[in-house]
Amino acid sequence: DIAALALRLVLMEISQNKGVLVLDECLKHLSAEYRPQAYEFLKSINSKLNRQVIFVTHADEFIQGADYKIKIGD
């Protein structure tokens, strides 16, 4: 999951595509022990690469730290 995300970012940067990064459950297979580091990685993408990140997830670790949240369903 992390390698695929990193590769996607590299390709976006090489192509100079400065669009929004949309991630749909891309880290769902990541173990709980690595989620804090993944959260920090996503935050750094937002700040260092100046990219908006839209992240769809059910993991509370990511939801709690989000700047904006939209809940769909119950």
N, C-alpha and C. Protein backbone atom coordinates (compact mmCIF):
# COMPACT_ATOMS: atom_id res chain seq x y z
N ASP A 1 0.81 -1.20 0.00
CA ASP A 1 0.00 0.00 0.00
C ASP A 1 0.85 1.26 0.00
N ILE A 2 1.85 1.30 0.85
CA ILE A 2 2.71 2.47 0.94
C ILE A 2 3.53 2.63 -0.34
N ALA A 3 4.06 1.52 -0.86
CA ALA A 3 4.85 1.59 -2.09
C ALA A 3 4.00 2.08 -3.26
N ALA A 4 2.78 1.61 -3.36
CA ALA A 4 1.88 2.04 -4.44
C ALA A 4 1.57 3.53 -4.31
N LEU A 5 1.35 3.99 -3.09
CA LEU A 5 1.08 5.41 -2.86
C LEU A 5 2.30 6.26 -3.22
N ALA A 6 3.47 5.82 -2.82
CA ALA A 6 4.70 6.56 -3.13
C ALA A 6 4.93 6.61 -4.64
N LEU A 7 4.69 5.50 -5.33
CA LEU A 7 4.86 5.47 -6.77
C LEU A 7 3.87 6.41 -7.46
N ARG A 8 2.65 6.43 -7.00
CA ARG A 8 1.65 7.33 -7.55
C ARG A 8 2.08 8.79 -7.39
N LEU A 9 2.63 9.13 -6.22
CA LEU A 9 3.10 10.49 -5.98
C LEU A 9 4.27 10.86 -6.89
N VAL A 10 5.19 9.94 -7.06
CA VAL A 10 6.34 10.19 -7.93
C VAL A 10 5.87 10.45 -9.35
N LEU A 11 4.94 9.63 -9.83
CA LEU A 11 4.43 9.82 -11.19
C LEU A 11 3.70 11.15 -11.34
N MET A 12 2.97 11.55 -10.32
CA MET A 12 2.28 12.84 -10.38
C MET A 12 3.28 13.99 -10.42
N GLU A 13 4.35 13.88 -9.65
CA GLU A 13 5.35 14.94 -9.61
C GLU A 13 6.14 15.00 -10.92
N ILE A 14 6.50 13.85 -11.46
CA ILE A 14 7.24 13.81 -12.72
C ILE A 14 6.42 14.41 -13.84
N SER A 15 5.14 14.10 -13.87
CA SER A 15 4.27 14.60 -14.94
C SER A 15 3.87 16.05 -14.71
N GLN A 16 4.28 16.59 -13.59
CA GLN A 16 3.94 17.96 -13.19
C GLN A 16 2.43 18.16 -13.09
N ASN A 17 1.75 17.09 -12.75
CA ASN A 17 0.31 17.15 -12.50
C ASN A 17 0.12 17.69 -11.09
N LYS A 18 -0.36 18.90 -10.97
CA LYS A 18 -0.49 19.54 -9.66
C LYS A 18 -1.92 19.45 -9.13
N GLY A 19 -2.63 18.41 -9.55
CA GLY A 19 -4.01 18.26 -9.15
C GLY A 19 -4.16 17.71 -7.73
N VAL A 20 -5.37 17.41 -7.41
CA VAL A 20 -5.75 16.87 -6.11
C VAL A 20 -5.38 15.39 -6.05
N LEU A 21 -4.93 14.94 -4.90
CA LEU A 21 -4.63 13.53 -4.69
C LEU A 21 -5.84 12.90 -4.01
N VAL A 22 -6.53 12.00 -4.71
CA VAL A 22 -7.72 11.33 -4.19
C VAL A 22 -7.35 9.89 -3.88
N LEU A 23 -7.52 9.50 -2.63
CA LEU A 23 -7.16 8.16 -2.16
C LEU A 23 -8.38 7.49 -1.55
N ASP A 24 -8.77 6.35 -2.08
CA ASP A 24 -9.93 5.62 -1.59
C ASP A 24 -9.48 4.33 -0.92
N GLU A 25 -9.44 4.35 0.39
CA GLU A 25 -9.04 3.18 1.20
C GLU A 25 -7.69 2.61 0.76
N CYS A 26 -6.77 3.48 0.38
CA CYS A 26 -5.49 3.01 -0.14
C CYS A 26 -4.61 2.38 0.94
N LEU A 27 -4.88 2.64 2.20
CA LEU A 27 -4.06 2.09 3.28
C LEU A 27 -4.84 1.10 4.15
N LYS A 28 -5.86 0.50 3.59
CA LYS A 28 -6.72 -0.40 4.38
C LYS A 28 -5.99 -1.65 4.85
N HIS A 29 -4.93 -2.06 4.17
CA HIS A 29 -4.19 -3.25 4.58
C HIS A 29 -3.00 -2.93 5.48
N LEU A 30 -2.82 -1.68 5.79
CA LEU A 30 -1.70 -1.26 6.63
C LEU A 30 -2.00 -1.61 8.09
N SER A 31 -1.05 -2.24 8.76
CA SER A 31 -1.27 -2.63 10.15
C SER A 31 -1.36 -1.38 11.04
N ALA A 32 -2.04 -1.55 12.16
CA ALA A 32 -2.30 -0.43 13.08
C ALA A 32 -1.02 0.21 13.59
N GLU A 33 0.05 -0.56 13.74
CA GLU A 33 1.29 0.01 14.27
C GLU A 33 1.94 1.01 13.32
N TYR A 34 1.64 0.93 12.02
CA TYR A 34 2.23 1.84 11.04
C TYR A 34 1.31 3.00 10.66
N ARG A 35 0.10 3.01 11.16
CA ARG A 35 -0.84 4.07 10.80
C ARG A 35 -0.41 5.47 11.24
N PRO A 36 0.18 5.63 12.42
CA PRO A 36 0.62 7.00 12.78
C PRO A 36 1.66 7.56 11.81
N GLN A 37 2.60 6.73 11.36
CA GLN A 37 3.60 7.19 10.40
C GLN A 37 2.95 7.49 9.05
N ALA A 38 1.98 6.69 8.64
CA ALA A 38 1.27 6.92 7.38
C ALA A 38 0.48 8.22 7.45
N TYR A 39 -0.11 8.48 8.61
CA TYR A 39 -0.85 9.73 8.81
C TYR A 39 0.10 10.92 8.64
N GLU A 40 1.27 10.86 9.26
CA GLU A 40 2.25 11.93 9.15
C GLU A 40 2.73 12.09 7.70
N PHE A 41 2.87 10.98 6.99
CA PHE A 41 3.27 11.01 5.59
C PHE A 41 2.23 11.75 4.75
N LEU A 42 0.96 11.46 4.97
CA LEU A 42 -0.11 12.14 4.24
C LEU A 42 -0.13 13.64 4.56
N LYS A 43 0.07 13.98 5.82
CA LYS A 43 0.12 15.40 6.20
C LYS A 43 1.30 16.10 5.53
N SER A 44 2.43 15.42 5.43
CA SER A 44 3.59 16.03 4.79
C SER A 44 3.38 16.22 3.29
N ILE A 45 2.65 15.30 2.66
CA ILE A 45 2.31 15.46 1.24
C ILE A 45 1.52 16.75 1.07
N ASN A 46 0.59 16.96 1.96
CA ASN A 46 -0.25 18.15 1.90
C ASN A 46 0.59 19.42 2.05
N SER A 47 1.49 19.44 3.01
CA SER A 47 2.23 20.67 3.27
C SER A 47 3.46 20.83 2.37
N LYS A 48 4.27 19.81 2.22
CA LYS A 48 5.52 19.94 1.47
C LYS A 48 5.30 19.98 -0.05
N LEU A 49 4.35 19.20 -0.54
CA LEU A 49 4.10 19.18 -1.98
C LEU A 49 2.97 20.12 -2.37
N ASN A 50 2.37 20.76 -1.39
CA ASN A 50 1.27 21.69 -1.62
C ASN A 50 0.14 21.05 -2.42
N ARG A 51 -0.28 19.88 -1.97
CA ARG A 51 -1.36 19.14 -2.63
C ARG A 51 -2.53 18.97 -1.68
N GLN A 52 -3.70 19.12 -2.23
CA GLN A 52 -4.90 18.79 -1.46
C GLN A 52 -5.04 17.27 -1.49
N VAL A 53 -5.29 16.67 -0.34
CA VAL A 53 -5.45 15.22 -0.24
C VAL A 53 -6.88 14.92 0.19
N ILE A 54 -7.59 14.18 -0.63
CA ILE A 54 -8.93 13.70 -0.26
C ILE A 54 -8.77 12.21 0.00
N PHE A 55 -9.06 11.82 1.24
CA PHE A 55 -8.75 10.47 1.70
C PHE A 55 -10.01 9.81 2.23
N VAL A 56 -10.45 8.75 1.57
CA VAL A 56 -11.62 7.99 2.00
C VAL A 56 -11.11 6.84 2.88
N THR A 57 -11.66 6.76 4.11
CA THR A 57 -11.19 5.73 5.03
C THR A 57 -12.23 5.43 6.11
N HIS A 58 -12.02 4.30 6.77
CA HIS A 58 -12.81 3.94 7.95
C HIS A 58 -11.92 3.93 9.19
N ALA A 59 -10.63 4.18 9.01
CA ALA A 59 -9.66 4.11 10.12
C ALA A 59 -9.73 5.37 10.96
N ASP A 60 -10.05 5.20 12.23
CA ASP A 60 -10.19 6.34 13.15
C ASP A 60 -8.93 7.19 13.26
N GLU A 61 -7.75 6.57 13.13
CA GLU A 61 -6.50 7.33 13.25
C GLU A 61 -6.42 8.43 12.20
N PHE A 62 -6.91 8.15 11.03
CA PHE A 62 -6.87 9.14 9.95
C PHE A 62 -8.03 10.12 10.07
N ILE A 63 -9.17 9.65 10.48
CA ILE A 63 -10.35 10.50 10.58
C ILE A 63 -10.15 11.58 11.64
N GLN A 64 -9.62 11.21 12.79
CA GLN A 64 -9.47 12.16 13.89
C GLN A 64 -8.55 13.32 13.54
N GLY A 65 -7.54 13.09 12.70
CA GLY A 65 -6.59 14.14 12.38
C GLY A 65 -6.92 14.96 11.16
N ALA A 66 -8.03 14.65 10.50
CA ALA A 66 -8.37 15.35 9.26
C ALA A 66 -8.73 16.82 9.53
N ASP A 67 -8.38 17.66 8.59
CA ASP A 67 -8.76 19.08 8.69
C ASP A 67 -10.26 19.25 8.47
N TYR A 68 -10.79 18.51 7.52
CA TYR A 68 -12.23 18.56 7.22
C TYR A 68 -12.74 17.14 7.08
N LYS A 69 -13.96 16.90 7.55
CA LYS A 69 -14.54 15.56 7.51
C LYS A 69 -15.93 15.63 6.90
N ILE A 70 -16.23 14.64 6.07
CA ILE A 70 -17.58 14.47 5.55
C ILE A 70 -17.97 13.03 5.85
N LYS A 71 -19.02 12.85 6.61
CA LYS A 71 -19.47 11.51 6.97
C LYS A 71 -20.65 11.16 6.07
N ILE A 72 -20.57 9.99 5.46
CA ILE A 72 -21.65 9.50 4.60
C ILE A 72 -22.25 8.28 5.26
N GLY A 73 -23.54 8.29 5.44
CA GLY A 73 -24.23 7.16 6.08
C GLY A 73 -24.30 7.35 7.57
N ASP A 74 -24.58 6.25 8.28
CA ASP A 74 -24.74 6.30 9.74
C ASP A 74 -23.46 6.47 10.42
